[in-house]
C-alpha atoms as a PDB file:
ATOM      1  CA  UNK A   1      10.976   4.419  24.916  1.00  0.00           C
ATOM      2  CA  UNK A   2      10.567   1.467  22.702  1.00  0.00           C
ATOM      3  CA  UNK A   3       6.773   1.445  23.121  1.00  0.00           C
ATOM      4  CA  UNK A   4       6.690   5.331  22.232  1.00  0.00           C
ATOM      5  CA  UNK A   5       8.856   4.797  19.192  1.00  0.00           C
ATOM      6  CA  UNK A   6       6.487   1.981  18.095  1.00  0.00           C
ATOM      7  CA  UNK A   7       3.270   4.032  18.739  1.00  0.00           C
ATOM      8  CA  UNK A   8       4.928   6.911  16.456  1.00  0.00           C
ATOM      9  CA  UNK A   9       5.767   4.274  13.681  1.00  0.00           C
ATOM     10  CA  UNK A  10       2.237   2.757  13.673  1.00  0.00           C
ATOM     11  CA  UNK A  11       0.452   6.261  13.364  1.00  0.00           C
ATOM     12  CA  UNK A  12       2.980   6.867  10.399  1.00  0.00           C
ATOM     13  CA  UNK A  13       2.152   3.359   8.922  1.00  0.00           C
ATOM     14  CA  UNK A  14      -1.536   3.357   9.255  1.00  0.00           C
ATOM     15  CA  UNK A  15      -2.713   6.754   9.833  1.00  0.00           C
ATOM     16  CA  UNK A  16      -5.691   7.009  12.175  1.00  0.00           C
ATOM     17  CA  UNK A  17      -7.344   9.797  10.117  1.00  0.00           C
ATOM     18  CA  UNK A  18      -6.822  11.868   6.976  1.00  0.00           C
ATOM     19  CA  UNK A  19      -6.596  11.212   3.225  1.00  0.00           C
ATOM     20  CA  UNK A  20      -3.368   9.299   3.313  1.00  0.00           C
ATOM     21  CA  UNK A  21      -2.728   5.708   4.381  1.00  0.00           C
ATOM     22  CA  UNK A  22       0.771   6.411   5.423  1.00  0.00           C
ATOM     23  CA  UNK A  23       2.622   9.242   7.020  1.00  0.00           C
ATOM     24  CA  UNK A  24       5.813   8.603   5.670  1.00  0.00           C
ATOM     25  CA  UNK A  25       7.651  11.372   7.742  1.00  0.00           C
ATOM     26  CA  UNK A  26       6.500   9.637  10.995  1.00  0.00           C
ATOM     27  CA  UNK A  27       7.675   6.318   9.903  1.00  0.00           C
ATOM     28  CA  UNK A  28      11.051   7.736   8.796  1.00  0.00           C
ATOM     29  CA  UNK A  29      11.525   9.446  12.034  1.00  0.00           C
ATOM     30  CA  UNK A  30      10.384   6.603  14.217  1.00  0.00           C
ATOM     31  CA  UNK A  31      13.103   4.468  12.254  1.00  0.00           C
ATOM     32  CA  UNK A  32      15.760   7.079  12.551  1.00  0.00           C
ATOM     33  CA  UNK A  33      15.318   7.195  16.374  1.00  0.00           C
ATOM     34  CA  UNK A  34      15.060   3.375  16.574  1.00  0.00           C
ATOM     35  CA  UNK A  35      18.515   3.280  14.820  1.00  0.00           C
ATOM     36  CA  UNK A  36      19.906   5.854  17.435  1.00  0.00           C
ATOM     37  CA  UNK A  37      18.552   3.434  20.269  1.00  0.00           C
ATOM     38  CA  UNK A  38      20.242   0.565  18.883  1.00  0.00           C
ATOM     39  CA  UNK A  39      23.538   2.583  18.665  1.00  0.00           C
ATOM     40  CA  UNK A  40      23.292   3.749  22.151  1.00  0.00           C
ATOM     41  CA  UNK A  41      22.466   0.213  23.449  1.00  0.00           C
ATOM     42  CA  UNK A  42      23.708  -2.224  20.829  1.00  0.00           C
ATOM     43  CA  UNK A  43      23.434  -5.241  22.873  1.00  0.00           C
ATOM     44  CA  UNK A  44      19.866  -4.900  23.682  1.00  0.00           C
ATOM     45  CA  UNK A  45      18.079  -7.610  21.578  1.00  0.00           C
ATOM     46  CA  UNK A  46      14.491  -5.696  21.783  1.00  0.00           C
ATOM     47  CA  UNK A  47      16.163  -2.634  20.400  1.00  0.00           C
ATOM     48  CA  UNK A  48      17.341  -4.706  17.424  1.00  0.00           C
ATOM     49  CA  UNK A  49      13.961  -6.344  17.026  1.00  0.00           C
ATOM     50  CA  UNK A  50      12.117  -2.971  17.240  1.00  0.00           C
ATOM     51  CA  UNK A  51      14.320  -1.666  14.418  1.00  0.00           C
ATOM     52  CA  UNK A  52      13.750  -4.872  12.376  1.00  0.00           C
ATOM     53  CA  UNK A  53       9.963  -4.655  12.832  1.00  0.00           C
ATOM     54  CA  UNK A  54       9.806  -1.033  11.641  1.00  0.00           C
ATOM     55  CA  UNK A  55      12.254  -1.839   8.457  1.00  0.00           C
ATOM     56  CA  UNK A  56      10.251  -4.817   7.727  1.00  0.00           C
ATOM     57  CA  UNK A  57       6.922  -3.078   7.661  1.00  0.00           C
ATOM     58  CA  UNK A  58       8.181   0.052   6.083  1.00  0.00           C
ATOM     59  CA  UNK A  59       9.677  -2.134   3.246  1.00  0.00           C
ATOM     60  CA  UNK A  60       6.096  -2.520   1.931  1.00  0.00           C
ATOM     61  CA  UNK A  61       5.119   1.056   1.728  1.00  0.00           C
ATOM     62  CA  UNK A  62       5.190   1.407  -1.985  1.00  0.00           C
ATOM     63  CA  UNK A  63       2.938  -1.694  -2.495  1.00  0.00           C
ATOM     64  CA  UNK A  64       0.198  -0.775  -0.026  1.00  0.00           C
ATOM     65  CA  UNK A  65      -1.708   1.517  -2.260  1.00  0.00           C
ATOM     66  CA  UNK A  66      -2.350   2.553  -5.739  1.00  0.00           C
ATOM     67  CA  UNK A  67      -1.524   6.029  -7.188  1.00  0.00           C
ATOM     68  CA  UNK A  68      -5.005   6.874  -6.915  1.00  0.00           C
ATOM     69  CA  UNK A  69      -5.178   6.048  -3.207  1.00  0.00           C
ATOM     70  CA  UNK A  70      -6.709   2.563  -3.355  1.00  0.00           C
ATOM     71  CA  UNK A  71      -5.729   0.295  -0.419  1.00  0.00           C
ATOM     72  CA  UNK A  72      -3.970  -3.043  -1.552  1.00  0.00           C
ATOM     73  CA  UNK A  73      -4.292  -5.673   1.112  1.00  0.00           C
ATOM     74  CA  UNK A  74      -1.139  -7.692   1.852  1.00  0.00           C
ATOM     75  CA  UNK A  75      -2.019 -10.695  -0.071  1.00  0.00           C
ATOM     76  CA  UNK A  76      -2.723  -8.718  -3.214  1.00  0.00           C
ATOM     77  CA  UNK A  77       0.413  -6.653  -3.085  1.00  0.00           C
ATOM     78  CA  UNK A  78       3.065  -6.582  -5.906  1.00  0.00           C
ATOM     79  CA  UNK A  79       5.975  -7.818  -4.004  1.00  0.00           C
ATOM     80  CA  UNK A  80       8.584  -6.651  -6.512  1.00  0.00           C
ATOM     81  CA  UNK A  81       7.745  -3.231  -5.085  1.00  0.00           C
ATOM     82  CA  UNK A  82       8.947  -4.113  -1.591  1.00  0.00           C
ATOM     83  CA  UNK A  83      12.201  -2.734  -0.627  1.00  0.00           C
ATOM     84  CA  UNK A  84      14.614  -5.708  -0.585  1.00  0.00           C
ATOM     85  CA  UNK A  85      17.407  -3.620   1.150  1.00  0.00           C
ATOM     86  CA  UNK A  86      15.175  -3.058   4.237  1.00  0.00           C
ATOM     87  CA  UNK A  87      13.946  -6.651   4.205  1.00  0.00           C
ATOM     88  CA  UNK A  88      17.521  -8.028   4.184  1.00  0.00           C
ATOM     89  CA  UNK A  89      18.537  -5.592   6.970  1.00  0.00           C
ATOM     90  CA  UNK A  90      15.491  -6.274   9.025  1.00  0.00           C
ATOM     91  CA  UNK A  91      15.923 -10.123   8.709  1.00  0.00           C
ATOM     92  CA  UNK A  92      19.583  -9.873   9.701  1.00  0.00           C
ATOM     93  CA  UNK A  93      18.416  -7.792  12.846  1.00  0.00           C
ATOM     94  CA  UNK A  94      15.954 -10.409  13.758  1.00  0.00           C
ATOM     95  CA  UNK A  95      18.542 -13.195  13.480  1.00  0.00           C
ATOM     96  CA  UNK A  96      20.833 -11.173  15.743  1.00  0.00           C
ATOM     97  CA  UNK A  97      18.306 -10.431  18.287  1.00  0.00           C
ATOM     98  CA  UNK A  98      17.039 -14.077  18.457  1.00  0.00           C
ATOM     99  CA  UNK A  99      20.742 -15.094  18.833  1.00  0.00           C
ATOM    100  CA  UNK A 100      20.976 -13.270  22.147  1.00  0.00           C
ATOM    101  CA  UNK A 101      18.597 -15.853  23.537  1.00  0.00           C
ATOM    102  CA  UNK A 102      16.456 -13.505  25.602  1.00  0.00           C
ATOM    103  CA  UNK A 103      13.235 -13.733  23.853  1.00  0.00           C
ATOM    104  CA  UNK A 104      11.036 -10.570  24.168  1.00  0.00           C
ATOM    105  CA  UNK A 105       7.616  -9.287  22.392  1.00  0.00           C
ATOM    106  CA  UNK A 106       9.259  -7.198  19.678  1.00  0.00           C
ATOM    107  CA  UNK A 107      11.422 -10.155  18.563  1.00  0.00           C
ATOM    108  CA  UNK A 108       8.378 -12.262  18.230  1.00  0.00           C
ATOM    109  CA  UNK A 109       6.621  -9.658  16.290  1.00  0.00           C
ATOM    110  CA  UNK A 110       9.553  -9.015  14.228  1.00  0.00           C
ATOM    111  CA  UNK A 111       9.907 -12.719  13.468  1.00  0.00           C
ATOM    112  CA  UNK A 112       6.480 -12.636  12.085  1.00  0.00           C
ATOM    113  CA  UNK A 113       7.223  -9.678   9.976  1.00  0.00           C
ATOM    114  CA  UNK A 114      10.216 -11.517   8.622  1.00  0.00           C
ATOM    115  CA  UNK A 115       8.065 -14.408   7.735  1.00  0.00           C
ATOM    116  CA  UNK A 116       5.677 -12.329   5.740  1.00  0.00           C
ATOM    117  CA  UNK A 117       8.641 -10.461   4.243  1.00  0.00           C
ATOM    118  CA  UNK A 118      10.650 -13.681   2.853  1.00  0.00           C
ATOM    119  CA  UNK A 119       7.475 -15.297   1.345  1.00  0.00           C
ATOM    120  CA  UNK A 120       7.821 -14.986  -2.399  1.00  0.00           C
ATOM    121  CA  UNK A 121       3.982 -15.104  -2.876  1.00  0.00           C
ATOM    122  CA  UNK A 122       0.948 -14.908  -0.433  1.00  0.00           C
ATOM    123  CA  UNK A 123       0.415 -18.535  -0.896  1.00  0.00           C
ATOM    124  CA  UNK A 124       4.075 -19.396   0.283  1.00  0.00           C
ATOM    125  CA  UNK A 125       3.456 -17.537   3.707  1.00  0.00           C
ATOM    126  CA  UNK A 126       4.205 -20.032   6.523  1.00  0.00           C
ATOM    127  CA  UNK A 127       0.913 -19.284   8.413  1.00  0.00           C
ATOM    128  CA  UNK A 128       1.504 -22.302  10.720  1.00  0.00           C
ATOM    129  CA  UNK A 129       4.753 -20.794  12.091  1.00  0.00           C
ATOM    130  CA  UNK A 130       3.113 -17.167  12.251  1.00  0.00           C
ATOM    131  CA  UNK A 131       0.135 -18.892  14.373  1.00  0.00           C
ATOM    132  CA  UNK A 132       2.699 -20.467  16.712  1.00  0.00           C
ATOM    133  CA  UNK A 133       4.640 -17.185  17.177  1.00  0.00           C
ATOM    134  CA  UNK A 134       1.375 -15.348  17.910  1.00  0.00           C
ATOM    135  CA  UNK A 135       0.400 -18.142  20.468  1.00  0.00           C
ATOM    136  CA  UNK A 136       3.966 -17.616  22.129  1.00  0.00           C
ATOM    137  CA  UNK A 137       3.228 -13.872  22.087  1.00  0.00           C
ATOM    138  CA  UNK A 138      -0.129 -14.264  23.696  1.00  0.00           C
ATOM    139  CA  UNK A 139       1.403 -16.027  26.541  1.00  0.00           C
ATOM    140  CA  UNK A 140       4.091 -13.380  27.273  1.00  0.00           C
ATOM    141  CA  UNK A 141       2.199 -10.256  26.393  1.00  0.00           C
ATOM    142  CA  UNK A 142      -1.409 -11.273  26.417  1.00  0.00           C
ATOM    143  CA  UNK A 143      -3.855  -8.748  24.789  1.00  0.00           C
ATOM    144  CA  UNK A 144      -7.193  -8.904  22.932  1.00  0.00           C
ATOM    145  CA  UNK A 145      -5.318  -7.592  19.863  1.00  0.00           C
ATOM    146  CA  UNK A 146      -2.499 -10.113  19.989  1.00  0.00           C
ATOM    147  CA  UNK A 147      -5.317 -12.768  20.291  1.00  0.00           C
ATOM    148  CA  UNK A 148      -7.233 -11.388  17.435  1.00  0.00           C
ATOM    149  CA  UNK A 149      -4.045 -11.708  15.212  1.00  0.00           C
ATOM    150  CA  UNK A 150      -3.506 -15.351  16.567  1.00  0.00           C
ATOM    151  CA  UNK A 151      -7.143 -16.179  15.496  1.00  0.00           C
ATOM    152  CA  UNK A 152      -6.463 -14.670  11.927  1.00  0.00           C
ATOM    153  CA  UNK A 153      -3.271 -16.721  11.693  1.00  0.00           C
ATOM    154  CA  UNK A 154      -5.283 -19.921  12.840  1.00  0.00           C
ATOM    155  CA  UNK A 155      -7.841 -19.178  10.259  1.00  0.00           C
ATOM    156  CA  UNK A 156      -5.350 -18.977   7.491  1.00  0.00           C
ATOM    157  CA  UNK A 157      -3.420 -21.945   8.761  1.00  0.00           C
ATOM    158  CA  UNK A 158      -5.873 -24.379  10.005  1.00  0.00           C
ATOM    159  CA  UNK A 159      -9.504 -23.487   8.977  1.00  0.00           C
ATOM    160  CA  UNK A 160     -11.523 -20.532   8.509  1.00  0.00           C
ATOM    161  CA  UNK A 161     -14.158 -21.832  10.814  1.00  0.00           C
ATOM    162  CA  UNK A 162     -11.597 -22.343  13.596  1.00  0.00           C
ATOM    163  CA  UNK A 163     -10.346 -18.872  13.250  1.00  0.00           C
ATOM    164  CA  UNK A 164     -13.778 -17.332  13.060  1.00  0.00           C
ATOM    165  CA  UNK A 165     -14.792 -19.170  16.262  1.00  0.00           C
ATOM    166  CA  UNK A 166     -11.760 -17.680  18.097  1.00  0.00           C
ATOM    167  CA  UNK A 167     -12.682 -14.220  16.835  1.00  0.00           C
ATOM    168  CA  UNK A 168     -16.342 -14.651  17.949  1.00  0.00           C
ATOM    169  CA  UNK A 169     -15.110 -15.951  21.458  1.00  0.00           C
ATOM    170  CA  UNK A 170     -12.896 -12.734  21.602  1.00  0.00           C
ATOM    171  CA  UNK A 171     -15.928 -10.520  20.679  1.00  0.00           C
ATOM    172  CA  UNK A 172     -18.049 -11.983  23.480  1.00  0.00           C
ATOM    173  CA  UNK A 173     -15.930 -10.163  25.943  1.00  0.00           C
ATOM    174  CA  UNK A 174     -16.723  -6.808  24.386  1.00  0.00           C
ATOM    175  CA  UNK A 175     -13.305  -5.416  24.668  1.00  0.00           C
ATOM    176  CA  UNK A 176     -12.807  -5.208  20.849  1.00  0.00           C
ATOM    177  CA  UNK A 177     -16.339  -3.802  19.982  1.00  0.00           C
ATOM    178  CA  UNK A 178     -15.073  -0.369  19.090  1.00  0.00           C
ATOM    179  CA  UNK A 179     -11.802  -1.736  17.338  1.00  0.00           C
ATOM    180  CA  UNK A 180     -12.191  -1.359  13.566  1.00  0.00           C
ATOM    181  CA  UNK A 181      -9.958  -4.153  12.778  1.00  0.00           C
ATOM    182  CA  UNK A 182     -11.808  -6.709  14.759  1.00  0.00           C
ATOM    183  CA  UNK A 183     -14.746  -6.128  12.695  1.00  0.00           C
ATOM    184  CA  UNK A 184     -12.785  -5.924   9.401  1.00  0.00           C
ATOM    185  CA  UNK A 185     -11.088  -9.223  10.196  1.00  0.00           C
ATOM    186  CA  UNK A 186     -14.422 -10.881  11.083  1.00  0.00           C
ATOM    187  CA  UNK A 187     -15.857  -9.526   7.875  1.00  0.00           C
ATOM    188  CA  UNK A 188     -12.927 -10.826   5.857  1.00  0.00           C
ATOM    189  CA  UNK A 189     -13.307 -14.277   7.120  1.00  0.00           C
ATOM    190  CA  UNK A 190     -17.164 -14.472   6.822  1.00  0.00           C
ATOM    191  CA  UNK A 191     -16.605 -13.160   3.083  1.00  0.00           C
ATOM    192  CA  UNK A 192     -14.177 -15.937   2.339  1.00  0.00           C
ATOM    193  CA  UNK A 193     -16.625 -18.320   3.994  1.00  0.00           C
ATOM    194  CA  UNK A 194     -19.347 -17.030   1.669  1.00  0.00           C
ATOM    195  CA  UNK A 195     -21.515 -15.936   4.487  1.00  0.00           C
ATOM    196  CA  UNK A 196     -22.241 -12.519   2.868  1.00  0.00           C
ATOM    197  CA  UNK A 197     -25.106 -11.125   4.794  1.00  0.00           C
ATOM    198  CA  UNK A 198     -23.083 -11.507   7.974  1.00  0.00           C
ATOM    199  CA  UNK A 199     -19.893 -10.213   6.358  1.00  0.00           C
ATOM    200  CA  UNK A 200     -21.856  -7.086   5.175  1.00  0.00           C
ATOM    201  CA  UNK A 201     -22.930  -6.414   8.768  1.00  0.00           C
ATOM    202  CA  UNK A 202     -19.213  -6.636   9.833  1.00  0.00           C
ATOM    203  CA  UNK A 203     -17.909  -4.308   7.162  1.00  0.00           C
ATOM    204  CA  UNK A 204     -20.596  -1.788   8.065  1.00  0.00           C
ATOM    205  CA  UNK A 205     -19.472  -1.811  11.640  1.00  0.00           C
ATOM    206  CA  UNK A 206     -15.717  -1.493  10.747  1.00  0.00           C
ATOM    207  CA  UNK A 207     -16.686   1.474   8.255  1.00  0.00           C
ATOM    208  CA  UNK A 208     -18.536   3.218  11.189  1.00  0.00           C
ATOM    209  CA  UNK A 209     -15.372   3.050  13.340  1.00  0.00           C
ATOM    210  CA  UNK A 210     -12.859   4.122  10.468  1.00  0.00           C
ATOM    211  CA  UNK A 211     -11.281   7.410  10.027  1.00  0.00           C
ATOM    212  CA  UNK A 212      -8.903   7.079   7.387  1.00  0.00           C
ATOM    213  CA  UNK A 213     -10.122   7.939   3.852  1.00  0.00           C
ATOM    214  CA  UNK A 214      -8.237   5.112   2.030  1.00  0.00           C
ATOM    215  CA  UNK A 215      -9.221   2.356   4.631  1.00  0.00           C
ATOM    216  CA  UNK A 216     -13.010   3.712   4.310  1.00  0.00           C
ATOM    217  CA  UNK A 217     -12.842   3.477   0.456  1.00  0.00           C
ATOM    218  CA  UNK A 218     -11.469  -0.184   0.651  1.00  0.00           C
ATOM    219  CA  UNK A 219     -14.127  -1.152   3.226  1.00  0.00           C
ATOM    220  CA  UNK A 220     -16.858   0.545   1.104  1.00  0.00           C
ATOM    221  CA  UNK A 221     -15.571  -1.436  -2.052  1.00  0.00           C
ATOM    222  CA  UNK A 222     -15.685  -4.699  -0.140  1.00  0.00           C
ATOM    223  CA  UNK A 223     -19.243  -3.836   1.135  1.00  0.00           C
ATOM    224  CA  UNK A 224     -20.445  -2.783  -2.348  1.00  0.00           C
ATOM    225  CA  UNK A 225     -19.060  -5.955  -4.064  1.00  0.00           C
ATOM    226  CA  UNK A 226     -21.231  -8.139  -1.480  1.00  0.00           C
ATOM    227  CA  UNK A 227     -24.125  -5.842  -1.673  1.00  0.00           C
ATOM    228  CA  UNK A 228     -24.126  -6.687  -5.388  1.00  0.00           C
ATOM    229  CA  UNK A 229     -23.899 -10.335  -4.807  1.00  0.00           C
ATOM    230  CA  UNK A 230     -26.690 -10.445  -2.377  1.00  0.00           C
ATOM    231  CA  UNK A 231     -28.800  -8.024  -4.482  1.00  0.00           C
ATOM    232  CA  UNK A 232     -28.741  -5.415  -1.568  1.00  0.00           C
END
Protein backbone atom coordinates (compact mmCIF):
# COMPACT_ATOMS: atom_id res chain seq x y z
CA UNK A 1 0.00 0.00 0.00
CA UNK A 2 2.81 2.43 0.89
CA UNK A 3 4.54 1.81 -2.43
CA UNK A 4 1.32 2.33 -4.42
CA UNK A 5 0.59 5.62 -2.63
CA UNK A 6 4.10 6.90 -3.24
CA UNK A 7 3.88 5.99 -6.92
CA UNK A 8 0.64 7.97 -7.18
CA UNK A 9 2.25 10.93 -5.42
CA UNK A 10 5.35 10.84 -7.60
CA UNK A 11 3.30 10.84 -10.79
CA UNK A 12 1.53 13.91 -9.45
CA UNK A 13 4.71 15.59 -8.26
CA UNK A 14 6.66 15.08 -11.50
CA UNK A 15 4.22 14.15 -14.23
CA UNK A 16 5.74 11.80 -16.80
CA UNK A 17 3.93 13.40 -19.71
CA UNK A 18 1.83 16.45 -20.47
CA UNK A 19 2.08 20.22 -20.31
CA UNK A 20 2.16 20.58 -16.51
CA UNK A 21 5.01 19.69 -14.20
CA UNK A 22 2.64 18.90 -11.32
CA UNK A 23 -0.70 17.11 -11.23
CA UNK A 24 -1.92 18.60 -7.99
CA UNK A 25 -5.02 16.45 -7.73
CA UNK A 26 -2.87 13.30 -7.63
CA UNK A 27 -0.59 14.76 -4.95
CA UNK A 28 -3.57 15.82 -2.83
CA UNK A 29 -5.24 12.43 -3.13
CA UNK A 30 -2.05 10.56 -2.26
CA UNK A 31 -1.58 12.77 0.81
CA UNK A 32 -5.22 12.22 1.84
CA UNK A 33 -4.83 8.45 1.58
CA UNK A 34 -1.51 8.56 3.47
CA UNK A 35 -3.26 10.44 6.29
CA UNK A 36 -5.89 7.73 6.38
CA UNK A 37 -3.18 5.07 6.56
CA UNK A 38 -1.61 6.87 9.55
CA UNK A 39 -5.02 7.09 11.25
CA UNK A 40 -5.62 3.36 10.73
CA UNK A 41 -2.12 2.32 11.85
CA UNK A 42 -0.85 5.24 13.95
CA UNK A 43 2.09 3.37 15.47
CA UNK A 44 3.67 2.35 12.16
CA UNK A 45 6.73 4.61 11.68
CA UNK A 46 6.93 4.00 7.94
CA UNK A 47 3.35 5.25 7.52
CA UNK A 48 4.27 8.43 9.40
CA UNK A 49 7.42 8.82 7.30
CA UNK A 50 5.57 8.31 4.03
CA UNK A 51 3.11 11.07 4.91
CA UNK A 52 6.00 13.29 6.00
CA UNK A 53 7.86 12.65 2.76
CA UNK A 54 4.83 13.66 0.69
CA UNK A 55 4.16 16.78 2.76
CA UNK A 56 7.77 17.93 2.60
CA UNK A 57 7.97 17.52 -1.16
CA UNK A 58 4.53 19.03 -1.75
CA UNK A 59 5.44 22.06 0.37
CA UNK A 60 7.59 23.28 -2.55
CA UNK A 61 4.89 23.04 -5.21
CA UNK A 62 4.37 26.79 -5.73
CA UNK A 63 8.10 27.45 -6.12
CA UNK A 64 8.86 24.72 -8.65
CA UNK A 65 7.79 26.58 -11.78
CA UNK A 66 7.02 30.10 -12.95
CA UNK A 67 3.59 31.37 -13.97
CA UNK A 68 4.53 30.79 -17.61
CA UNK A 69 5.56 27.18 -16.94
CA UNK A 70 9.34 27.46 -16.61
CA UNK A 71 10.87 24.85 -14.31
CA UNK A 72 12.85 26.22 -11.36
CA UNK A 73 15.43 23.79 -9.92
CA UNK A 74 15.57 23.34 -6.16
CA UNK A 75 18.65 25.51 -5.60
CA UNK A 76 17.05 28.47 -7.44
CA UNK A 77 13.62 28.32 -5.81
CA UNK A 78 12.16 31.21 -3.81
CA UNK A 79 11.95 29.51 -0.41
CA UNK A 80 9.49 32.11 0.88
CA UNK A 81 6.95 30.34 -1.35
CA UNK A 82 7.41 27.03 0.43
CA UNK A 83 4.46 26.07 2.61
CA UNK A 84 5.79 26.27 6.16
CA UNK A 85 2.77 24.53 7.70
CA UNK A 86 3.47 21.42 5.66
CA UNK A 87 7.18 21.60 6.48
CA UNK A 88 6.46 21.88 10.21
CA UNK A 89 4.06 18.94 10.11
CA UNK A 90 6.43 16.88 7.99
CA UNK A 91 9.42 17.49 10.25
CA UNK A 92 7.36 16.60 13.33
CA UNK A 93 6.26 13.35 11.68
CA UNK A 94 9.87 12.51 10.79
CA UNK A 95 10.94 13.06 14.39
CA UNK A 96 8.08 10.90 15.68
CA UNK A 97 8.86 8.13 13.19
CA UNK A 98 12.58 8.10 13.97
CA UNK A 99 11.74 8.04 17.65
CA UNK A 100 10.24 4.58 17.16
CA UNK A 101 13.79 3.30 16.55
CA UNK A 102 12.69 0.96 13.76
CA UNK A 103 14.44 2.53 10.78
CA UNK A 104 12.96 2.00 7.33
CA UNK A 105 13.43 3.40 3.81
CA UNK A 106 10.64 5.98 3.98
CA UNK A 107 12.09 7.35 7.21
CA UNK A 108 15.47 7.80 5.54
CA UNK A 109 13.92 9.50 2.51
CA UNK A 110 11.77 11.73 4.72
CA UNK A 111 14.82 12.68 6.80
CA UNK A 112 16.59 13.72 3.59
CA UNK A 113 13.58 15.77 2.51
CA UNK A 114 13.49 17.41 5.94
CA UNK A 115 17.12 18.52 5.60
CA UNK A 116 16.30 20.21 2.31
CA UNK A 117 13.15 21.78 3.76
CA UNK A 118 14.86 23.21 6.83
CA UNK A 119 17.75 24.81 4.94
CA UNK A 120 17.23 28.57 4.80
CA UNK A 121 19.18 28.82 1.54
CA UNK A 122 20.54 26.34 -0.97
CA UNK A 123 24.04 27.05 0.33
CA UNK A 124 23.01 26.05 3.86
CA UNK A 125 21.91 22.57 2.78
CA UNK A 126 23.73 19.90 4.78
CA UNK A 127 24.83 17.79 1.83
CA UNK A 128 27.21 15.73 3.97
CA UNK A 129 24.32 14.50 6.09
CA UNK A 130 22.23 13.88 2.97
CA UNK A 131 25.06 11.83 1.45
CA UNK A 132 25.37 9.82 4.67
CA UNK A 133 21.62 9.08 4.71
CA UNK A 134 21.67 8.00 1.06
CA UNK A 135 24.60 5.70 1.84
CA UNK A 136 22.52 4.04 4.56
CA UNK A 137 19.50 3.85 2.26
CA UNK A 138 21.64 2.22 -0.41
CA UNK A 139 22.58 -0.55 1.99
CA UNK A 140 19.00 -1.20 3.14
CA UNK A 141 17.19 -0.66 -0.17
CA UNK A 142 19.84 -0.76 -2.84
CA UNK A 143 18.87 0.38 -6.32
CA UNK A 144 20.55 2.24 -9.19
CA UNK A 145 18.32 5.28 -8.56
CA UNK A 146 19.26 5.46 -4.87
CA UNK A 147 22.91 5.08 -5.86
CA UNK A 148 22.47 7.93 -8.36
CA UNK A 149 21.03 10.19 -5.68
CA UNK A 150 23.91 9.25 -3.39
CA UNK A 151 26.40 10.15 -6.10
CA UNK A 152 24.80 13.57 -6.59
CA UNK A 153 24.93 14.20 -2.83
CA UNK A 154 28.61 13.22 -2.80
CA UNK A 155 29.23 15.62 -5.68
CA UNK A 156 27.63 18.45 -3.72
CA UNK A 157 29.27 17.61 -0.39
CA UNK A 158 32.75 16.37 -1.38
CA UNK A 159 33.68 17.16 -4.98
CA UNK A 160 32.08 17.27 -8.39
CA UNK A 161 34.80 14.97 -9.71
CA UNK A 162 34.08 12.27 -7.12
CA UNK A 163 30.35 12.46 -7.74
CA UNK A 164 30.78 12.27 -11.51
CA UNK A 165 33.08 9.26 -11.17
CA UNK A 166 30.38 7.49 -9.13
CA UNK A 167 27.73 8.39 -11.73
CA UNK A 168 29.92 7.12 -14.57
CA UNK A 169 30.52 3.90 -12.67
CA UNK A 170 26.76 3.48 -12.36
CA UNK A 171 26.32 4.22 -16.04
CA UNK A 172 28.75 1.47 -16.99
CA UNK A 173 26.25 -1.18 -15.86
CA UNK A 174 23.70 0.08 -18.40
CA UNK A 175 20.70 -0.05 -16.07
CA UNK A 176 20.18 3.73 -16.11
CA UNK A 177 20.72 4.29 -19.83
CA UNK A 178 17.00 4.88 -20.43
CA UNK A 179 16.49 6.94 -17.24
CA UNK A 180 16.28 10.63 -18.10
CA UNK A 181 17.37 11.85 -14.66
CA UNK A 182 20.63 9.90 -14.90
CA UNK A 183 21.58 11.84 -18.03
CA UNK A 184 20.24 15.12 -16.60
CA UNK A 185 22.26 14.68 -13.39
CA UNK A 186 25.39 13.83 -15.34
CA UNK A 187 24.84 16.83 -17.61
CA UNK A 188 24.44 19.16 -14.64
CA UNK A 189 27.70 18.04 -13.03
CA UNK A 190 29.56 18.34 -16.32
CA UNK A 191 28.12 21.84 -16.81
CA UNK A 192 29.26 22.88 -13.33
CA UNK A 193 32.72 21.54 -14.13
CA UNK A 194 32.91 23.50 -17.39
CA UNK A 195 33.03 20.36 -19.53
CA UNK A 196 30.48 21.81 -21.92
CA UNK A 197 30.73 19.50 -24.98
CA UNK A 198 30.16 16.45 -22.74
CA UNK A 199 27.37 18.24 -20.88
CA UNK A 200 25.66 19.02 -24.20
CA UNK A 201 25.76 15.35 -25.17
CA UNK A 202 24.16 14.33 -21.86
CA UNK A 203 21.51 17.06 -22.06
CA UNK A 204 20.58 15.85 -25.53
CA UNK A 205 20.21 12.31 -24.25
CA UNK A 206 18.04 13.50 -21.36
CA UNK A 207 15.89 15.52 -23.78
CA UNK A 208 15.30 12.46 -25.95
CA UNK A 209 13.98 10.54 -22.93
CA UNK A 210 11.76 13.28 -21.47
CA UNK A 211 8.01 13.44 -22.11
CA UNK A 212 6.99 16.32 -19.85
CA UNK A 213 6.77 19.68 -21.63
CA UNK A 214 8.03 21.71 -18.65
CA UNK A 215 11.08 19.50 -18.20
CA UNK A 216 11.68 19.58 -21.95
CA UNK A 217 11.77 23.38 -21.97
CA UNK A 218 14.16 23.45 -19.00
CA UNK A 219 16.57 20.97 -20.58
CA UNK A 220 16.34 22.74 -23.92
CA UNK A 221 17.17 26.04 -22.23
CA UNK A 222 20.24 24.54 -20.56
CA UNK A 223 21.28 23.03 -23.86
CA UNK A 224 20.85 26.33 -25.70
CA UNK A 225 22.95 28.14 -23.07
CA UNK A 226 25.79 25.67 -23.51
CA UNK A 227 25.49 25.70 -27.29
CA UNK A 228 25.88 29.47 -27.16
CA UNK A 229 29.02 29.17 -25.04
CA UNK A 230 30.59 26.60 -27.33
CA UNK A 231 29.47 28.28 -30.54
CA UNK A 232 27.39 25.25 -31.48
